Amino acid sequence: MKLPLKISTVVASLTILAFPANAEASQSVMKNMRFFITSENLLIAANIQSGSACSLNQGISVTKMSGFKTIEKGNSNVRVSGKVESFLSIKNNEISPVSGKFQSNARVRTADWLIRNTQYYPEFLSAMTDCTREGGLKRMQLDAPSP
């Protein structure tokens, strides 16, 4: 019974080790990235240095935010907030400018945890990371590679 668990742990670890190599983002960008799952089950990729973030509402939209901030509440729980700037509709594949504020409770998650415990895979997390950069939402819309 222990052998399959060890094998799955090794496979997950190898996947995580491969993530930065497969990712389009540089190591310095990855060092500043944090991932969150909100109480509304949104996935947020945030660059804590630049304050830029992208939020995925699965099957519906990707929202780009600026001024992203977190307030630690303990036990991996945080309060996240940001200014909403634009919105990519997944159904229509159209980007629309929007304005407003976003705020939610969330849990901090690592890329490792997301890959092992959700349907998100390394290439998608890389795309979410790229979304936080200049032009990233447009590249996501066009399914274009990072520069």
C-alpha atoms as a PDB file:
ATOM      1  CA  MET A   1       0.000   0.000   0.000  1.00  0.00           C
ATOM      2  CA  LYS A   2       2.862   2.413   0.708  1.00  0.00           C
ATOM      3  CA  LEU A   3       4.556   1.803  -2.643  1.00  0.00           C
ATOM      4  CA  PRO A   4       1.847   3.430  -4.829  1.00  0.00           C
ATOM      5  CA  LEU A   5       1.797   6.452  -2.516  1.00  0.00           C
ATOM      6  CA  LYS A   6       5.573   6.845  -2.825  1.00  0.00           C
ATOM      7  CA  ILE A   7       5.395   6.485  -6.606  1.00  0.00           C
ATOM      8  CA  SER A   8       2.632   9.106  -6.892  1.00  0.00           C
ATOM      9  CA  THR A   9       4.618  11.457  -4.661  1.00  0.00           C
ATOM     10  CA  VAL A  10       7.698  11.013  -6.846  1.00  0.00           C
ATOM     11  CA  VAL A  11       5.669  11.592 -10.023  1.00  0.00           C
ATOM     12  CA  ALA A  12       4.095  14.739  -8.538  1.00  0.00           C
ATOM     13  CA  SER A  13       7.519  15.979  -7.447  1.00  0.00           C
ATOM     14  CA  LEU A  14       8.941  15.370 -10.918  1.00  0.00           C
ATOM     15  CA  THR A  15       6.007  17.264 -12.409  1.00  0.00           C
ATOM     16  CA  ILE A  16       6.714  20.225 -10.155  1.00  0.00           C
ATOM     17  CA  LEU A  17      10.406  20.167 -10.984  1.00  0.00           C
ATOM     18  CA  ALA A  18       9.460  20.272 -14.660  1.00  0.00           C
ATOM     19  CA  PHE A  19       7.046  23.181 -14.175  1.00  0.00           C
ATOM     20  CA  PRO A  20       9.626  26.007 -14.221  1.00  0.00           C
ATOM     21  CA  ALA A  21      11.410  24.451 -17.202  1.00  0.00           C
ATOM     22  CA  ASN A  22       8.162  24.218 -19.169  1.00  0.00           C
ATOM     23  CA  ALA A  23       6.928  27.599 -18.014  1.00  0.00           C
ATOM     24  CA  GLU A  24       7.367  30.583 -20.257  1.00  0.00           C
ATOM     25  CA  ALA A  25       7.856  32.870 -17.260  1.00  0.00           C
ATOM     26  CA  SER A  26      11.322  33.533 -15.894  1.00  0.00           C
ATOM     27  CA  GLN A  27      12.510  32.216 -12.540  1.00  0.00           C
ATOM     28  CA  SER A  28      12.332  35.728 -11.050  1.00  0.00           C
ATOM     29  CA  VAL A  29       8.674  36.039 -12.095  1.00  0.00           C
ATOM     30  CA  MET A  30       7.893  32.571 -10.711  1.00  0.00           C
ATOM     31  CA  LYS A  31       9.542  33.507  -7.407  1.00  0.00           C
ATOM     32  CA  ASN A  32       7.025  36.349  -7.036  1.00  0.00           C
ATOM     33  CA  MET A  33       3.954  34.296  -8.025  1.00  0.00           C
ATOM     34  CA  ARG A  34       1.330  33.130  -5.556  1.00  0.00           C
ATOM     35  CA  PHE A  35      -1.766  31.070  -6.276  1.00  0.00           C
ATOM     36  CA  PHE A  36      -5.055  31.293  -4.400  1.00  0.00           C
ATOM     37  CA  ILE A  37      -8.381  29.450  -4.410  1.00  0.00           C
ATOM     38  CA  THR A  38     -11.184  31.754  -3.252  1.00  0.00           C
ATOM     39  CA  SER A  39     -14.276  30.846  -1.278  1.00  0.00           C
ATOM     40  CA  GLU A  40     -16.139  31.208  -4.619  1.00  0.00           C
ATOM     41  CA  ASN A  41     -13.781  28.554  -6.082  1.00  0.00           C
ATOM     42  CA  LEU A  42     -11.927  31.004  -8.349  1.00  0.00           C
ATOM     43  CA  LEU A  43      -8.271  30.346  -9.148  1.00  0.00           C
ATOM     44  CA  ILE A  44      -6.119  33.464  -8.794  1.00  0.00           C
ATOM     45  CA  ALA A  45      -2.536  33.762 -10.011  1.00  0.00           C
ATOM     46  CA  ALA A  46      -0.897  36.874  -8.562  1.00  0.00           C
ATOM     47  CA  ASN A  47       2.488  38.501  -8.965  1.00  0.00           C
ATOM     48  CA  ILE A  48       3.039  39.862  -5.470  1.00  0.00           C
ATOM     49  CA  GLN A  49       5.821  42.195  -6.601  1.00  0.00           C
ATOM     50  CA  SER A  50       3.915  43.926  -9.427  1.00  0.00           C
ATOM     51  CA  GLY A  51       0.444  43.678  -7.842  1.00  0.00           C
ATOM     52  CA  SER A  52      -0.953  42.216 -11.065  1.00  0.00           C
ATOM     53  CA  ALA A  53      -3.269  39.201 -10.921  1.00  0.00           C
ATOM     54  CA  CYS A  54      -5.568  37.074 -13.069  1.00  0.00           C
ATOM     55  CA  SER A  55      -8.623  35.256 -11.793  1.00  0.00           C
ATOM     56  CA  LEU A  56     -10.199  32.238 -13.491  1.00  0.00           C
ATOM     57  CA  ASN A  57     -13.917  31.608 -13.165  1.00  0.00           C
ATOM     58  CA  GLN A  58     -13.761  28.184 -14.795  1.00  0.00           C
ATOM     59  CA  GLY A  59     -15.665  27.921 -18.069  1.00  0.00           C
ATOM     60  CA  ILE A  60     -16.831  31.542 -17.833  1.00  0.00           C
ATOM     61  CA  SER A  61     -14.054  34.126 -17.739  1.00  0.00           C
ATOM     62  CA  VAL A  62     -10.546  35.260 -16.903  1.00  0.00           C
ATOM     63  CA  THR A  63     -10.354  38.626 -15.151  1.00  0.00           C
ATOM     64  CA  LYS A  64      -7.228  40.814 -15.030  1.00  0.00           C
ATOM     65  CA  MET A  65      -6.614  42.821 -11.846  1.00  0.00           C
ATOM     66  CA  SER A  66      -4.144  45.429 -10.652  1.00  0.00           C
ATOM     67  CA  GLY A  67      -3.307  46.607  -7.157  1.00  0.00           C
ATOM     68  CA  PHE A  68      -3.648  43.035  -5.885  1.00  0.00           C
ATOM     69  CA  LYS A  69      -3.161  42.750  -2.119  1.00  0.00           C
ATOM     70  CA  THR A  70      -3.450  40.082   0.531  1.00  0.00           C
ATOM     71  CA  ILE A  71      -4.132  40.276   4.243  1.00  0.00           C
ATOM     72  CA  GLU A  72      -2.937  37.237   6.195  1.00  0.00           C
ATOM     73  CA  LYS A  73      -5.587  35.679   8.429  1.00  0.00           C
ATOM     74  CA  GLY A  74      -3.555  32.637   9.545  1.00  0.00           C
ATOM     75  CA  ASN A  75      -3.576  28.957   8.575  1.00  0.00           C
ATOM     76  CA  SER A  76      -3.124  29.682   4.826  1.00  0.00           C
ATOM     77  CA  ASN A  77      -6.262  31.838   4.925  1.00  0.00           C
ATOM     78  CA  VAL A  78      -6.049  35.322   3.430  1.00  0.00           C
ATOM     79  CA  ARG A  79      -8.265  38.176   2.370  1.00  0.00           C
ATOM     80  CA  VAL A  80      -7.483  39.098  -1.260  1.00  0.00           C
ATOM     81  CA  SER A  81      -8.445  42.281  -3.064  1.00  0.00           C
ATOM     82  CA  GLY A  82      -7.695  44.127  -6.266  1.00  0.00           C
ATOM     83  CA  LYS A  83      -8.939  46.531  -8.915  1.00  0.00           C
ATOM     84  CA  VAL A  84     -10.643  44.772 -11.856  1.00  0.00           C
ATOM     85  CA  GLU A  85      -9.381  46.071 -15.226  1.00  0.00           C
ATOM     86  CA  SER A  86     -10.461  43.721 -18.003  1.00  0.00           C
ATOM     87  CA  PHE A  87     -12.427  40.575 -18.606  1.00  0.00           C
ATOM     88  CA  LEU A  88     -11.924  37.762 -21.138  1.00  0.00           C
ATOM     89  CA  SER A  89     -15.179  35.936 -21.843  1.00  0.00           C
ATOM     90  CA  ILE A  90     -14.347  32.282 -22.479  1.00  0.00           C
ATOM     91  CA  LYS A  91     -17.618  31.666 -24.346  1.00  0.00           C
ATOM     92  CA  ASN A  92     -17.177  34.579 -26.807  1.00  0.00           C
ATOM     93  CA  ASN A  93     -13.366  34.808 -26.602  1.00  0.00           C
ATOM     94  CA  GLU A  94     -13.677  38.595 -26.301  1.00  0.00           C
ATOM     95  CA  ILE A  95     -11.845  40.993 -23.999  1.00  0.00           C
ATOM     96  CA  SER A  96     -13.903  43.781 -22.457  1.00  0.00           C
ATOM     97  CA  PRO A  97     -12.659  46.665 -20.314  1.00  0.00           C
ATOM     98  CA  VAL A  98     -14.335  46.740 -16.911  1.00  0.00           C
ATOM     99  CA  SER A  99     -13.833  48.637 -13.704  1.00  0.00           C
ATOM    100  CA  GLY A 100     -14.558  47.706 -10.168  1.00  0.00           C
ATOM    101  CA  LYS A 101     -13.098  46.183  -7.070  1.00  0.00           C
ATOM    102  CA  PHE A 102     -12.696  42.541  -6.134  1.00  0.00           C
ATOM    103  CA  GLN A 103     -12.477  41.177  -2.612  1.00  0.00           C
ATOM    104  CA  SER A 104     -12.776  37.630  -1.286  1.00  0.00           C
ATOM    105  CA  ASN A 105     -11.532  35.165   1.286  1.00  0.00           C
ATOM    106  CA  ALA A 106      -9.044  32.682  -0.129  1.00  0.00           C
ATOM    107  CA  ARG A 107      -6.540  29.972   0.686  1.00  0.00           C
ATOM    108  CA  VAL A 108      -2.941  30.162  -0.451  1.00  0.00           C
ATOM    109  CA  ARG A 109      -1.994  27.187  -2.644  1.00  0.00           C
ATOM    110  CA  THR A 110       1.285  26.185  -4.235  1.00  0.00           C
ATOM    111  CA  ALA A 111       1.647  25.136  -7.860  1.00  0.00           C
ATOM    112  CA  ASP A 112       2.597  21.703  -6.500  1.00  0.00           C
ATOM    113  CA  TRP A 113      -0.657  21.437  -4.535  1.00  0.00           C
ATOM    114  CA  LEU A 114      -2.765  22.630  -7.488  1.00  0.00           C
ATOM    115  CA  ILE A 115      -1.197  20.109  -9.861  1.00  0.00           C
ATOM    116  CA  ARG A 116      -1.675  17.213  -7.445  1.00  0.00           C
ATOM    117  CA  ASN A 117      -5.140  18.100  -6.137  1.00  0.00           C
ATOM    118  CA  THR A 118      -6.986  19.854  -8.966  1.00  0.00           C
ATOM    119  CA  GLN A 119      -7.456  19.608 -12.718  1.00  0.00           C
ATOM    120  CA  TYR A 120      -4.925  22.425 -13.321  1.00  0.00           C
ATOM    121  CA  TYR A 121      -1.764  21.306 -15.112  1.00  0.00           C
ATOM    122  CA  PRO A 122       1.670  22.997 -15.366  1.00  0.00           C
ATOM    123  CA  GLU A 123       1.104  24.556 -18.792  1.00  0.00           C
ATOM    124  CA  PHE A 124      -2.154  26.146 -17.636  1.00  0.00           C
ATOM    125  CA  LEU A 125      -0.549  27.550 -14.487  1.00  0.00           C
ATOM    126  CA  SER A 126       2.168  28.965 -16.741  1.00  0.00           C
ATOM    127  CA  ALA A 127      -0.523  30.659 -18.873  1.00  0.00           C
ATOM    128  CA  MET A 128      -2.129  32.095 -15.729  1.00  0.00           C
ATOM    129  CA  THR A 129       1.300  33.368 -14.657  1.00  0.00           C
ATOM    130  CA  ASP A 130       1.803  34.957 -18.089  1.00  0.00           C
ATOM    131  CA  CYS A 131      -1.655  36.546 -17.841  1.00  0.00           C
ATOM    132  CA  THR A 132      -0.348  38.713 -14.982  1.00  0.00           C
ATOM    133  CA  ARG A 133       2.249  40.259 -17.340  1.00  0.00           C
ATOM    134  CA  GLU A 134       1.735  43.058 -19.880  1.00  0.00           C
ATOM    135  CA  GLY A 135      -0.337  41.721 -22.812  1.00  0.00           C
ATOM    136  CA  GLY A 136      -0.884  38.370 -21.103  1.00  0.00           C
ATOM    137  CA  LEU A 137      -4.675  38.415 -21.301  1.00  0.00           C
ATOM    138  CA  LYS A 138      -4.481  39.153 -25.045  1.00  0.00           C
ATOM    139  CA  ARG A 139      -2.007  36.266 -25.512  1.00  0.00           C
ATOM    140  CA  MET A 140      -4.425  34.022 -23.622  1.00  0.00           C
ATOM    141  CA  GLN A 141      -7.263  35.153 -25.939  1.00  0.00           C
ATOM    142  CA  LEU A 142      -5.180  34.425 -29.056  1.00  0.00           C
ATOM    143  CA  ASP A 143      -3.642  31.255 -27.572  1.00  0.00           C
ATOM    144  CA  ALA A 144      -0.263  32.829 -28.363  1.00  0.00           C
ATOM    145  CA  PRO A 145       3.025  31.963 -26.633  1.00  0.00           C
ATOM    146  CA  SER A 146       4.720  34.280 -24.152  1.00  0.00           C
ATOM    147  CA  PRO A 147       7.434  36.540 -25.550  1.00  0.00           C
END
